[in-house]
Amino acid sequence: MEINFTHHQSAHCENGVVSNLMKHNGYNVSEPMVFGIGSGLLFCYIPFLKVNHAPALTYRAMPGFIFKRFAKRVGIKIKREKFKSSQNAKTRLDENLNKNNPVGLQVGVYNLVYFPDEYRFHFNAHNLVVYGKKEDTYLISDPVMETVTTLTEKELEKVRFAKGAFAPKGHMYYPIDFPKELTIEKAIIKGIKQTCRDMLAPVPVVGVKGIRFVASLIRKWPKKKGTKVANHYLGQVVRMQEEIGTGGGGFRYIYAAFLQEAGKLLKNDKLTELSVEMTLIGDSWRDFALDASRIYKNRSAKEDAYNNIALQLETIANREEIFFKKLRKAI
């Protein structure tokens, strides 16, 4: 069985899966639009959760939230299923494929055999689409890959039931009902409002306050944790920003593209101007990542290197606080 499904490469997995499923069902919704309406942009430091033996950070909403919010705001219904049994998970997947229904899956990255070795680490919130099956091999549209690929039944079972933080438990999701017309304009405004609330939240580890908090920690890590651990923690900050926060700059470039598209749809020039500003902020995040990588790869020639990059983060936090206050006013 092979569903007539068109693969579109994207910058980020969940946005790409949602955009591709929407396009398959006749709605031309871009990846940035999914991300913006779904209020995907976030910053949160999660010290009690360890990923690769370092405190977790996220530059995006929790896995599954983007699709859930997007669906609610534009008026579509989605079905989600998790499983205790891998056999039940396989049966439900095959049933959907037999009904000509491609589905999104949450999977672990570490055992994805088509990923390059350097990208295979313990991260369980990756998303892909299964659009068919030939004998014991599933047809895979992974939106971060250039072309479609495949996984055997055993390989797919392994990634669907990966262990650890955010264990997917066979998580499967797909749209089941659509309105005659999507409520895009209202959805854009709701999405922007929530992102502004999140990024300006009065919580120490969330939004711009969270960025400042991590900056303060970076200053302490070398003395408190030692150089080896400090470098490992710093590498985690950059990895979550530039590899998990795909699209560059911790999703800032994707959000800038969303604001540009939203500005045209809403005929709001201020959003278009803010799109340019967000791109420049994304450049600053990239500069931070480059300077931080020089430190943990022992290539930094700067004195007091940790203080310097902490100052960079504080500057970014200040710029983002001003930015999201302006964005809140613009709508």
C-alpha atoms as a PDB file:
ATOM      1  CA  MET A   1       0.000   0.000   0.000  1.00  0.00           C
ATOM      2  CA  GLU A   2       1.343   3.433  -0.940  1.00  0.00           C
ATOM      3  CA  ILE A   3      -0.623   6.643  -0.422  1.00  0.00           C
ATOM      4  CA  ASN A   4      -0.197   9.375  -3.026  1.00  0.00           C
ATOM      5  CA  PHE A   5       1.613  11.682  -0.598  1.00  0.00           C
ATOM      6  CA  THR A   6       3.866  14.585  -1.626  1.00  0.00           C
ATOM      7  CA  HIS A   7       7.001  15.052   0.475  1.00  0.00           C
ATOM      8  CA  HIS A   8       8.062  18.645   1.262  1.00  0.00           C
ATOM      9  CA  GLN A   9      11.316  19.270   3.100  1.00  0.00           C
ATOM     10  CA  SER A  10      11.095  21.653   6.053  1.00  0.00           C
ATOM     11  CA  ALA A  11      13.349  23.202   8.675  1.00  0.00           C
ATOM     12  CA  HIS A  12      11.669  21.583  11.670  1.00  0.00           C
ATOM     13  CA  CYS A  13       9.958  18.235  12.115  1.00  0.00           C
ATOM     14  CA  GLU A  14       6.638  18.975  13.874  1.00  0.00           C
ATOM     15  CA  ASN A  15       5.906  22.057  11.766  1.00  0.00           C
ATOM     16  CA  GLY A  16       6.834  20.123   8.647  1.00  0.00           C
ATOM     17  CA  VAL A  17       4.636  17.144   9.505  1.00  0.00           C
ATOM     18  CA  VAL A  18       1.625  19.394  10.158  1.00  0.00           C
ATOM     19  CA  SER A  19       2.215  21.457   7.016  1.00  0.00           C
ATOM     20  CA  ASN A  20       2.613  18.307   4.893  1.00  0.00           C
ATOM     21  CA  LEU A  21      -0.523  16.680   6.341  1.00  0.00           C
ATOM     22  CA  MET A  22      -2.478  19.887   5.690  1.00  0.00           C
ATOM     23  CA  LYS A  23      -1.232  20.074   2.104  1.00  0.00           C
ATOM     24  CA  HIS A  24      -2.135  16.424   1.579  1.00  0.00           C
ATOM     25  CA  ASN A  25      -5.686  17.288   2.632  1.00  0.00           C
ATOM     26  CA  GLY A  26      -5.905  20.265   0.264  1.00  0.00           C
ATOM     27  CA  TYR A  27      -4.906  23.182   2.533  1.00  0.00           C
ATOM     28  CA  ASN A  28      -1.767  25.046   1.488  1.00  0.00           C
ATOM     29  CA  VAL A  29      -0.436  26.054   4.912  1.00  0.00           C
ATOM     30  CA  SER A  30       3.275  26.855   5.172  1.00  0.00           C
ATOM     31  CA  GLU A  31       5.640  25.596   7.860  1.00  0.00           C
ATOM     32  CA  PRO A  32       6.169  29.080   9.405  1.00  0.00           C
ATOM     33  CA  MET A  33       2.399  29.634   9.508  1.00  0.00           C
ATOM     34  CA  VAL A  34       1.916  26.366  11.417  1.00  0.00           C
ATOM     35  CA  PHE A  35       4.664  27.376  13.849  1.00  0.00           C
ATOM     36  CA  GLY A  36       3.325  30.883  14.448  1.00  0.00           C
ATOM     37  CA  ILE A  37      -0.352  29.963  14.803  1.00  0.00           C
ATOM     38  CA  GLY A  38       0.663  27.080  17.070  1.00  0.00           C
ATOM     39  CA  SER A  39       2.670  29.472  19.297  1.00  0.00           C
ATOM     40  CA  GLY A  40       5.749  27.343  18.824  1.00  0.00           C
ATOM     41  CA  LEU A  41       8.336  29.928  19.865  1.00  0.00           C
ATOM     42  CA  LEU A  42       9.434  29.690  23.488  1.00  0.00           C
ATOM     43  CA  PHE A  43      12.429  29.635  25.795  1.00  0.00           C
ATOM     44  CA  CYS A  44      12.400  27.488  28.904  1.00  0.00           C
ATOM     45  CA  TYR A  45      15.121  26.149  31.191  1.00  0.00           C
ATOM     46  CA  ILE A  46      14.169  22.806  32.793  1.00  0.00           C
ATOM     47  CA  PRO A  47      16.859  21.940  35.381  1.00  0.00           C
ATOM     48  CA  PHE A  48      15.071  18.882  36.815  1.00  0.00           C
ATOM     49  CA  LEU A  49      14.981  17.190  33.383  1.00  0.00           C
ATOM     50  CA  LYS A  50      18.285  15.827  32.111  1.00  0.00           C
ATOM     51  CA  VAL A  51      18.976  15.232  28.415  1.00  0.00           C
ATOM     52  CA  ASN A  52      22.381  13.757  27.561  1.00  0.00           C
ATOM     53  CA  HIS A  53      23.425  14.268  31.198  1.00  0.00           C
ATOM     54  CA  ALA A  54      22.818  18.005  31.130  1.00  0.00           C
ATOM     55  CA  PRO A  55      19.873  20.214  32.166  1.00  0.00           C
ATOM     56  CA  ALA A  56      17.261  20.479  29.417  1.00  0.00           C
ATOM     57  CA  LEU A  57      16.451  23.683  27.586  1.00  0.00           C
ATOM     58  CA  THR A  58      13.802  24.209  24.979  1.00  0.00           C
ATOM     59  CA  TYR A  59      13.393  26.947  22.409  1.00  0.00           C
ATOM     60  CA  ARG A  60       9.932  25.711  21.420  1.00  0.00           C
ATOM     61  CA  ALA A  61       6.620  24.602  22.897  1.00  0.00           C
ATOM     62  CA  MET A  62       6.374  21.073  24.280  1.00  0.00           C
ATOM     63  CA  PRO A  63       6.094  18.274  21.690  1.00  0.00           C
ATOM     64  CA  GLY A  64       2.577  18.026  20.285  1.00  0.00           C
ATOM     65  CA  PHE A  65       1.477  21.489  21.459  1.00  0.00           C
ATOM     66  CA  ILE A  66       2.092  23.181  18.101  1.00  0.00           C
ATOM     67  CA  PHE A  67      -0.285  20.854  16.226  1.00  0.00           C
ATOM     68  CA  LYS A  68      -2.833  20.901  19.059  1.00  0.00           C
ATOM     69  CA  ARG A  69      -2.973  24.711  19.174  1.00  0.00           C
ATOM     70  CA  PHE A  70      -2.853  25.090  15.404  1.00  0.00           C
ATOM     71  CA  ALA A  71      -5.742  22.655  14.958  1.00  0.00           C
ATOM     72  CA  LYS A  72      -7.899  24.322  17.606  1.00  0.00           C
ATOM     73  CA  ARG A  73      -7.285  27.816  16.261  1.00  0.00           C
ATOM     74  CA  VAL A  74      -7.973  27.079  12.587  1.00  0.00           C
ATOM     75  CA  GLY A  75     -10.896  24.758  13.302  1.00  0.00           C
ATOM     76  CA  ILE A  76      -9.677  21.259  12.446  1.00  0.00           C
ATOM     77  CA  LYS A  77     -10.004  18.153  14.598  1.00  0.00           C
ATOM     78  CA  ILE A  78      -7.152  15.752  15.239  1.00  0.00           C
ATOM     79  CA  LYS A  79      -6.990  12.274  16.712  1.00  0.00           C
ATOM     80  CA  ARG A  80      -4.104  11.252  18.972  1.00  0.00           C
ATOM     81  CA  GLU A  81      -3.284   7.777  20.182  1.00  0.00           C
ATOM     82  CA  LYS A  82      -0.630   6.301  22.481  1.00  0.00           C
ATOM     83  CA  PHE A  83      -0.107   2.611  23.151  1.00  0.00           C
ATOM     84  CA  LYS A  84       1.172   0.261  25.822  1.00  0.00           C
ATOM     85  CA  SER A  85       1.582  -2.531  23.273  1.00  0.00           C
ATOM     86  CA  SER A  86       3.850  -2.231  20.237  1.00  0.00           C
ATOM     87  CA  GLN A  87       1.645  -4.768  18.440  1.00  0.00           C
ATOM     88  CA  ASN A  88      -1.447  -2.593  18.979  1.00  0.00           C
ATOM     89  CA  ALA A  89       0.485   0.426  17.763  1.00  0.00           C
ATOM     90  CA  LYS A  90       1.504  -1.406  14.594  1.00  0.00           C
ATOM     91  CA  THR A  91      -2.069  -2.630  14.004  1.00  0.00           C
ATOM     92  CA  ARG A  92      -3.549   0.876  14.304  1.00  0.00           C
ATOM     93  CA  LEU A  93      -0.892   2.295  11.992  1.00  0.00           C
ATOM     94  CA  ASP A  94      -1.571  -0.366   9.355  1.00  0.00           C
ATOM     95  CA  GLU A  95      -5.331   0.215   9.644  1.00  0.00           C
ATOM     96  CA  ASN A  96      -4.863   3.899   8.853  1.00  0.00           C
ATOM     97  CA  LEU A  97      -2.582   3.196   5.912  1.00  0.00           C
ATOM     98  CA  ASN A  98      -5.145   0.737   4.532  1.00  0.00           C
ATOM     99  CA  LYS A  99      -7.719   3.553   4.725  1.00  0.00           C
ATOM    100  CA  ASN A 100      -5.405   5.774   2.629  1.00  0.00           C
ATOM    101  CA  ASN A 101      -4.677   7.952   5.652  1.00  0.00           C
ATOM    102  CA  PRO A 102      -1.055   9.110   6.216  1.00  0.00           C
ATOM    103  CA  VAL A 103      -0.235   9.641   9.890  1.00  0.00           C
ATOM    104  CA  GLY A 104       2.222  11.627  11.969  1.00  0.00           C
ATOM    105  CA  LEU A 105       4.382   9.787  14.496  1.00  0.00           C
ATOM    106  CA  GLN A 106       6.483  10.948  17.432  1.00  0.00           C
ATOM    107  CA  VAL A 107       9.734   8.966  17.567  1.00  0.00           C
ATOM    108  CA  GLY A 108      13.147   8.814  19.192  1.00  0.00           C
ATOM    109  CA  VAL A 109      16.123  10.059  17.173  1.00  0.00           C
ATOM    110  CA  TYR A 110      18.875   7.784  18.523  1.00  0.00           C
ATOM    111  CA  ASN A 111      17.887   4.700  16.506  1.00  0.00           C
ATOM    112  CA  LEU A 112      16.773   6.429  13.305  1.00  0.00           C
ATOM    113  CA  VAL A 113      19.049   4.515  10.944  1.00  0.00           C
ATOM    114  CA  TYR A 114      18.779   7.033   8.087  1.00  0.00           C
ATOM    115  CA  PHE A 115      20.092   9.892  10.262  1.00  0.00           C
ATOM    116  CA  PRO A 116      23.844  10.665  10.121  1.00  0.00           C
ATOM    117  CA  ASP A 117      25.649   9.393  13.244  1.00  0.00           C
ATOM    118  CA  GLU A 118      26.354  12.906  14.548  1.00  0.00           C
ATOM    119  CA  TYR A 119      22.615  13.668  14.697  1.00  0.00           C
ATOM    120  CA  ARG A 120      21.633  10.453  16.459  1.00  0.00           C
ATOM    121  CA  PHE A 121      21.374  11.139  20.177  1.00  0.00           C
ATOM    122  CA  HIS A 122      18.798  10.511  22.900  1.00  0.00           C
ATOM    123  CA  PHE A 123      15.968  12.856  21.932  1.00  0.00           C
ATOM    124  CA  ASN A 124      12.433  11.480  21.805  1.00  0.00           C
ATOM    125  CA  ALA A 125      10.405  14.315  20.317  1.00  0.00           C
ATOM    126  CA  HIS A 126      11.122  13.937  16.620  1.00  0.00           C
ATOM    127  CA  ASN A 127       8.196  13.779  14.178  1.00  0.00           C
ATOM    128  CA  LEU A 128       7.706  12.105  10.805  1.00  0.00           C
ATOM    129  CA  VAL A 129       4.936  10.902   8.481  1.00  0.00           C
ATOM    130  CA  VAL A 130       4.270   7.298   7.485  1.00  0.00           C
ATOM    131  CA  TYR A 131       2.528   7.218   4.107  1.00  0.00           C
ATOM    132  CA  GLY A 132       2.646   3.567   3.085  1.00  0.00           C
ATOM    133  CA  LYS A 133       4.029   0.078   3.519  1.00  0.00           C
ATOM    134  CA  LYS A 134       5.606  -2.469   1.194  1.00  0.00           C
ATOM    135  CA  GLU A 135       5.894  -5.966   2.677  1.00  0.00           C
ATOM    136  CA  ASP A 136       7.675  -5.387   6.045  1.00  0.00           C
ATOM    137  CA  THR A 137       8.991  -1.903   5.182  1.00  0.00           C
ATOM    138  CA  TYR A 138       7.270   1.391   5.982  1.00  0.00           C
ATOM    139  CA  LEU A 139       7.470   4.384   3.650  1.00  0.00           C
ATOM    140  CA  ILE A 140       8.651   7.429   5.594  1.00  0.00           C
ATOM    141  CA  SER A 141       8.360  11.141   4.844  1.00  0.00           C
ATOM    142  CA  ASP A 142      10.658  12.770   7.382  1.00  0.00           C
ATOM    143  CA  PRO A 143      10.291  16.512   6.755  1.00  0.00           C
ATOM    144  CA  VAL A 144      13.871  17.351   7.736  1.00  0.00           C
ATOM    145  CA  MET A 145      15.219  14.987   5.055  1.00  0.00           C
ATOM    146  CA  GLU A 146      15.608  16.011   1.425  1.00  0.00           C
ATOM    147  CA  THR A 147      13.840  12.930   0.071  1.00  0.00           C
ATOM    148  CA  VAL A 148      11.556  10.162   1.349  1.00  0.00           C
ATOM    149  CA  THR A 149      13.075   7.152   3.083  1.00  0.00           C
ATOM    150  CA  THR A 150      12.078   3.814   4.674  1.00  0.00           C
ATOM    151  CA  LEU A 151      12.173   1.910   7.965  1.00  0.00           C
ATOM    152  CA  THR A 152      11.582  -1.781   8.542  1.00  0.00           C
ATOM    153  CA  GLU A 153       8.875  -2.883  10.971  1.00  0.00           C
ATOM    154  CA  LYS A 154      11.508  -3.564  13.646  1.00  0.00           C
ATOM    155  CA  GLU A 155      13.301  -0.261  13.057  1.00  0.00           C
ATOM    156  CA  LEU A 156      10.051   1.710  13.287  1.00  0.00           C
ATOM    157  CA  GLU A 157       8.957  -0.145  16.423  1.00  0.00           C
ATOM    158  CA  LYS A 158      12.282   0.689  18.078  1.00  0.00           C
ATOM    159  CA  VAL A 159      11.954   4.439  17.522  1.00  0.00           C
ATOM    160  CA  ARG A 160       8.211   4.519  18.335  1.00  0.00           C
ATOM    161  CA  PHE A 161       8.910   2.934  21.727  1.00  0.00           C
ATOM    162  CA  ALA A 162      12.188   4.653  22.606  1.00  0.00           C
ATOM    163  CA  LYS A 163      12.839   5.006  26.342  1.00  0.00           C
ATOM    164  CA  GLY A 164      13.724   8.089  28.373  1.00  0.00           C
ATOM    165  CA  ALA A 165      12.466  11.682  28.598  1.00  0.00           C
ATOM    166  CA  PHE A 166       9.415  12.377  26.398  1.00  0.00           C
ATOM    167  CA  ALA A 167       9.109   8.645  25.608  1.00  0.00           C
ATOM    168  CA  PRO A 168       6.721   8.564  22.598  1.00  0.00           C
ATOM    169  CA  LYS A 169       4.825   5.380  23.617  1.00  0.00           C
ATOM    170  CA  GLY A 170       3.864   4.790  19.997  1.00  0.00           C
ATOM    171  CA  HIS A 171       2.313   8.273  19.723  1.00  0.00           C
ATOM    172  CA  MET A 172       0.344   8.593  16.481  1.00  0.00           C
ATOM    173  CA  TYR A 173      -1.736  11.565  15.296  1.00  0.00           C
ATOM    174  CA  TYR A 174      -3.674  12.699  12.227  1.00  0.00           C
ATOM    175  CA  PRO A 175      -6.428  15.153  11.235  1.00  0.00           C
ATOM    176  CA  ILE A 176      -9.953  13.726  11.076  1.00  0.00           C
ATOM    177  CA  ASP A 177     -12.218  16.692  10.304  1.00  0.00           C
ATOM    178  CA  PHE A 178     -11.843  20.002   8.472  1.00  0.00           C
ATOM    179  CA  PRO A 179     -13.981  23.148   8.256  1.00  0.00           C
ATOM    180  CA  LYS A 180     -15.066  24.558   4.897  1.00  0.00           C
ATOM    181  CA  GLU A 181     -12.652  27.412   5.433  1.00  0.00           C
ATOM    182  CA  LEU A 182      -9.738  27.789   7.854  1.00  0.00           C
ATOM    183  CA  THR A 183      -9.923  30.758  10.253  1.00  0.00           C
ATOM    184  CA  ILE A 184      -6.363  31.841   9.485  1.00  0.00           C
ATOM    185  CA  GLU A 185      -6.528  35.575  10.303  1.00  0.00           C
ATOM    186  CA  LYS A 186      -8.048  35.134  13.768  1.00  0.00           C
ATOM    187  CA  ALA A 187      -5.731  32.180  14.404  1.00  0.00           C
ATOM    188  CA  ILE A 188      -2.672  34.323  13.624  1.00  0.00           C
ATOM    189  CA  ILE A 189      -3.672  36.905  16.237  1.00  0.00           C
ATOM    190  CA  LYS A 190      -4.340  34.234  18.880  1.00  0.00           C
ATOM    191  CA  GLY A 191      -0.991  32.608  18.123  1.00  0.00           C
ATOM    192  CA  ILE A 192       0.931  35.882  18.414  1.00  0.00           C
ATOM    193  CA  LYS A 193      -0.815  36.843  21.663  1.00  0.00           C
ATOM    194  CA  GLN A 194       0.136  33.578  23.342  1.00  0.00           C
ATOM    195  CA  THR A 195       3.755  33.780  22.169  1.00  0.00           C
ATOM    196  CA  CYS A 196       4.014  37.281  23.627  1.00  0.00           C
ATOM    197  CA  ARG A 197       2.521  36.050  26.920  1.00  0.00           C
ATOM    198  CA  ASP A 198       4.953  33.138  27.033  1.00  0.00           C
ATOM    199  CA  MET A 199       8.051  35.171  26.223  1.00  0.00           C
ATOM    200  CA  LEU A 200       7.122  37.950  28.680  1.00  0.00           C
ATOM    201  CA  ALA A 201       5.955  35.568  31.428  1.00  0.00           C
ATOM    202  CA  PRO A 202       6.814  36.570  35.034  1.00  0.00           C
ATOM    203  CA  VAL A 203       8.498  33.203  35.620  1.00  0.00           C
ATOM    204  CA  PRO A 204      12.274  32.926  36.274  1.00  0.00           C
ATOM    205  CA  VAL A 205      12.930  30.041  33.866  1.00  0.00           C
ATOM    206  CA  VAL A 206      10.568  30.981  31.013  1.00  0.00           C
ATOM    207  CA  GLY A 207      10.843  33.511  28.173  1.00  0.00           C
ATOM    208  CA  VAL A 208      13.179  36.485  28.425  1.00  0.00           C
ATOM    209  CA  LYS A 209      13.557  35.930  32.177  1.00  0.00           C
ATOM    210  CA  GLY A 210      14.634  32.376  31.437  1.00  0.00           C
ATOM    211  CA  ILE A 211      17.276  33.614  28.978  1.00  0.00           C
ATOM    212  CA  ARG A 212      18.657  35.950  31.651  1.00  0.00           C
ATOM    213  CA  PHE A 213      18.606  33.114  34.189  1.00  0.00           C
ATOM    214  CA  VAL A 214      20.655  30.845  31.909  1.00  0.00           C
ATOM    215  CA  ALA A 215      23.101  33.718  31.325  1.00  0.00           C
ATOM    216  CA  SER A 216      23.602  33.977  35.102  1.00  0.00           C
ATOM    217  CA  LEU A 217      24.205  30.207  35.294  1.00  0.00           C
ATOM    218  CA  ILE A 218      26.768  30.294  32.476  1.00  0.00           C
ATOM    219  CA  ARG A 219      28.834  32.726  34.560  1.00  0.00           C
ATOM    220  CA  LYS A 220      28.821  30.272  37.499  1.00  0.00           C
ATOM    221  CA  TRP A 221      29.363  26.968  35.686  1.00  0.00           C
ATOM    222  CA  PRO A 222      33.200  27.030  35.320  1.00  0.00           C
ATOM    223  CA  LYS A 223      33.848  27.555  39.055  1.00  0.00           C
ATOM    224  CA  LYS A 224      30.861  25.590  40.325  1.00  0.00           C
ATOM    225  CA  LYS A 225      30.947  22.637  37.929  1.00  0.00           C
ATOM    226  CA  GLY A 226      34.511  22.608  36.591  1.00  0.00           C
ATOM    227  CA  THR A 227      35.621  23.171  33.012  1.00  0.00           C
ATOM    228  CA  LYS A 228      34.615  19.750  31.659  1.00  0.00           C
ATOM    229  CA  VAL A 229      31.016  19.880  32.954  1.00  0.00           C
ATOM    230  CA  ALA A 230      30.674  23.591  32.141  1.00  0.00           C
ATOM    231  CA  ASN A 231      31.687  22.901  28.545  1.00  0.00           C
ATOM    232  CA  HIS A 232      29.246  19.993  28.347  1.00  0.00           C
ATOM    233  CA  TYR A 233      26.383  22.144  29.682  1.00  0.00           C
ATOM    234  CA  LEU A 234      27.271  24.941  27.284  1.00  0.00           C
ATOM    235  CA  GLY A 235      27.284  22.474  24.416  1.00  0.00           C
ATOM    236  CA  GLN A 236      23.766  21.480  25.460  1.00  0.00           C
ATOM    237  CA  VAL A 237      22.576  25.099  25.204  1.00  0.00           C
ATOM    238  CA  VAL A 238      23.929  25.350  21.660  1.00  0.00           C
ATOM    239  CA  ARG A 239      22.746  21.903  20.552  1.00  0.00           C
ATOM    240  CA  MET A 240      19.177  22.607  21.674  1.00  0.00           C
ATOM    241  CA  GLN A 241      19.351  25.946  19.855  1.00  0.00           C
ATOM    242  CA  GLU A 242      20.956  25.005  16.561  1.00  0.00           C
ATOM    243  CA  GLU A 243      20.131  21.294  16.109  1.00  0.00           C
ATOM    244  CA  ILE A 244      16.858  20.800  17.981  1.00  0.00           C
ATOM    245  CA  GLY A 245      15.924  24.458  17.418  1.00  0.00           C
ATOM    246  CA  THR A 246      16.206  23.809  13.711  1.00  0.00           C
ATOM    247  CA  GLY A 247      15.909  26.588  11.228  1.00  0.00           C
ATOM    248  CA  GLY A 248      18.649  28.424  13.112  1.00  0.00           C
ATOM    249  CA  GLY A 249      18.779  30.796  16.042  1.00  0.00           C
ATOM    250  CA  GLY A 250      16.407  28.743  18.175  1.00  0.00           C
ATOM    251  CA  PHE A 251      13.517  29.045  15.693  1.00  0.00           C
ATOM    252  CA  ARG A 252      13.882  32.836  15.385  1.00  0.00           C
ATOM    253  CA  TYR A 253      14.238  32.687  11.595  1.00  0.00           C
ATOM    254  CA  ILE A 254      11.111  30.553  11.237  1.00  0.00           C
ATOM    255  CA  TYR A 255       9.204  32.993  13.426  1.00  0.00           C
ATOM    256  CA  ALA A 256      10.470  35.907  11.320  1.00  0.00           C
ATOM    257  CA  ALA A 257       9.133  34.147   8.205  1.00  0.00           C
ATOM    258  CA  PHE A 258       5.788  33.681   9.974  1.00  0.00           C
ATOM    259  CA  LEU A 259       5.584  37.407  10.808  1.00  0.00           C
ATOM    260  CA  GLN A 260       6.382  38.320   7.208  1.00  0.00           C
ATOM    261  CA  GLU A 261       3.599  36.050   5.924  1.00  0.00           C
ATOM    262  CA  ALA A 262       1.218  37.240   8.646  1.00  0.00           C
ATOM    263  CA  GLY A 263       1.941  40.884   7.823  1.00  0.00           C
ATOM    264  CA  LYS A 264       0.800  40.342   4.230  1.00  0.00           C
ATOM    265  CA  LEU A 265      -2.330  38.391   5.188  1.00  0.00           C
ATOM    266  CA  LEU A 266      -3.404  40.909   7.835  1.00  0.00           C
ATOM    267  CA  LYS A 267      -2.178  43.920   5.818  1.00  0.00           C
ATOM    268  CA  ASN A 268      -0.185  44.955   8.867  1.00  0.00           C
ATOM    269  CA  ASP A 269       3.083  46.685   7.946  1.00  0.00           C
ATOM    270  CA  LYS A 270       4.241  46.661  11.554  1.00  0.00           C
ATOM    271  CA  LEU A 271       4.422  42.861  11.506  1.00  0.00           C
ATOM    272  CA  THR A 272       6.542  43.039   8.363  1.00  0.00           C
ATOM    273  CA  GLU A 273       8.932  45.463  10.093  1.00  0.00           C
ATOM    274  CA  LEU A 274       9.111  43.217  13.153  1.00  0.00           C
ATOM    275  CA  SER A 275       9.904  40.262  10.895  1.00  0.00           C
ATOM    276  CA  VAL A 276      13.134  42.031   9.886  1.00  0.00           C
ATOM    277  CA  GLU A 277      13.934  42.763  13.531  1.00  0.00           C
ATOM    278  CA  MET A 278      13.400  39.134  14.523  1.00  0.00           C
ATOM    279  CA  THR A 279      15.774  38.034  11.750  1.00  0.00           C
ATOM    280  CA  LEU A 280      18.461  40.292  13.231  1.00  0.00           C
ATOM    281  CA  ILE A 281      17.826  38.823  16.688  1.00  0.00           C
ATOM    282  CA  GLY A 282      18.223  35.377  15.116  1.00  0.00           C
ATOM    283  CA  ASP A 283      21.619  36.520  13.799  1.00  0.00           C
ATOM    284  CA  SER A 284      22.617  37.420  17.370  1.00  0.00           C
ATOM    285  CA  TRP A 285      21.628  33.948  18.572  1.00  0.00           C
ATOM    286  CA  ARG A 286      23.794  32.482  15.805  1.00  0.00           C
ATOM    287  CA  ASP A 287      26.742  34.659  16.885  1.00  0.00           C
ATOM    288  CA  PHE A 288      26.264  33.471  20.464  1.00  0.00           C
ATOM    289  CA  ALA A 289      26.243  29.832  19.312  1.00  0.00           C
ATOM    290  CA  LEU A 290      29.453  30.330  17.329  1.00  0.00           C
ATOM    291  CA  ASP A 291      31.289  31.962  20.244  1.00  0.00           C
ATOM    292  CA  ALA A 292      29.995  29.344  22.695  1.00  0.00           C
ATOM    293  CA  SER A 293      31.114  26.500  20.423  1.00  0.00           C
ATOM    294  CA  ARG A 294      34.637  27.916  20.362  1.00  0.00           C
ATOM    295  CA  ILE A 295      34.715  27.670  24.142  1.00  0.00           C
ATOM    296  CA  TYR A 296      33.540  24.090  24.513  1.00  0.00           C
ATOM    297  CA  LYS A 297      35.724  22.993  21.621  1.00  0.00           C
ATOM    298  CA  ASN A 298      38.672  24.717  23.373  1.00  0.00           C
ATOM    299  CA  ARG A 299      39.214  27.136  20.526  1.00  0.00           C
ATOM    300  CA  SER A 300      38.277  30.400  22.223  1.00  0.00           C
ATOM    301  CA  ALA A 301      41.057  32.968  22.350  1.00  0.00           C
ATOM    302  CA  LYS A 302      39.011  35.432  24.402  1.00  0.00           C
ATOM    303  CA  GLU A 303      39.763  36.139  28.028  1.00  0.00           C
ATOM    304  CA  ASP A 304      36.925  35.687  30.450  1.00  0.00           C
ATOM    305  CA  ALA A 305      35.086  33.822  27.714  1.00  0.00           C
ATOM    306  CA  TYR A 306      32.162  32.589  29.810  1.00  0.00           C
ATOM    307  CA  ASN A 307      31.367  36.090  31.054  1.00  0.00           C
ATOM    308  CA  ASN A 308      31.469  37.382  27.478  1.00  0.00           C
ATOM    309  CA  ILE A 309      28.906  34.915  26.166  1.00  0.00           C
ATOM    310  CA  ALA A 310      26.735  35.420  29.264  1.00  0.00           C
ATOM    311  CA  LEU A 311      26.720  39.118  28.408  1.00  0.00           C
ATOM    312  CA  GLN A 312      25.698  38.248  24.834  1.00  0.00           C
ATOM    313  CA  LEU A 313      22.732  36.284  26.166  1.00  0.00           C
ATOM    314  CA  GLU A 314      21.686  39.124  28.459  1.00  0.00           C
ATOM    315  CA  THR A 315      21.782  41.507  25.514  1.00  0.00           C
ATOM    316  CA  ILE A 316      19.605  39.118  23.492  1.00  0.00           C
ATOM    317  CA  ALA A 317      17.145  38.888  26.392  1.00  0.00           C
ATOM    318  CA  ASN A 318      16.880  42.677  26.547  1.00  0.00           C
ATOM    319  CA  ARG A 319      16.282  42.907  22.793  1.00  0.00           C
ATOM    320  CA  GLU A 320      13.634  40.180  22.901  1.00  0.00           C
ATOM    321  CA  GLU A 321      11.818  41.835  25.793  1.00  0.00           C
ATOM    322  CA  ILE A 322      11.541  45.053  23.771  1.00  0.00           C
ATOM    323  CA  PHE A 323      10.608  43.068  20.655  1.00  0.00           C
ATOM    324  CA  PHE A 324       7.721  41.109  22.187  1.00  0.00           C
ATOM    325  CA  LYS A 325       6.308  44.218  23.831  1.00  0.00           C
ATOM    326  CA  LYS A 326       6.255  45.874  20.397  1.00  0.00           C
ATOM    327  CA  LEU A 327       4.744  42.750  18.825  1.00  0.00           C
ATOM    328  CA  ARG A 328       1.997  42.695  21.453  1.00  0.00           C
ATOM    329  CA  LYS A 329       1.135  46.305  20.585  1.00  0.00           C
ATOM    330  CA  ALA A 330       1.233  45.640  16.833  1.00  0.00           C
ATOM    331  CA  ILE A 331      -1.799  43.361  16.975  1.00  0.00           C
END
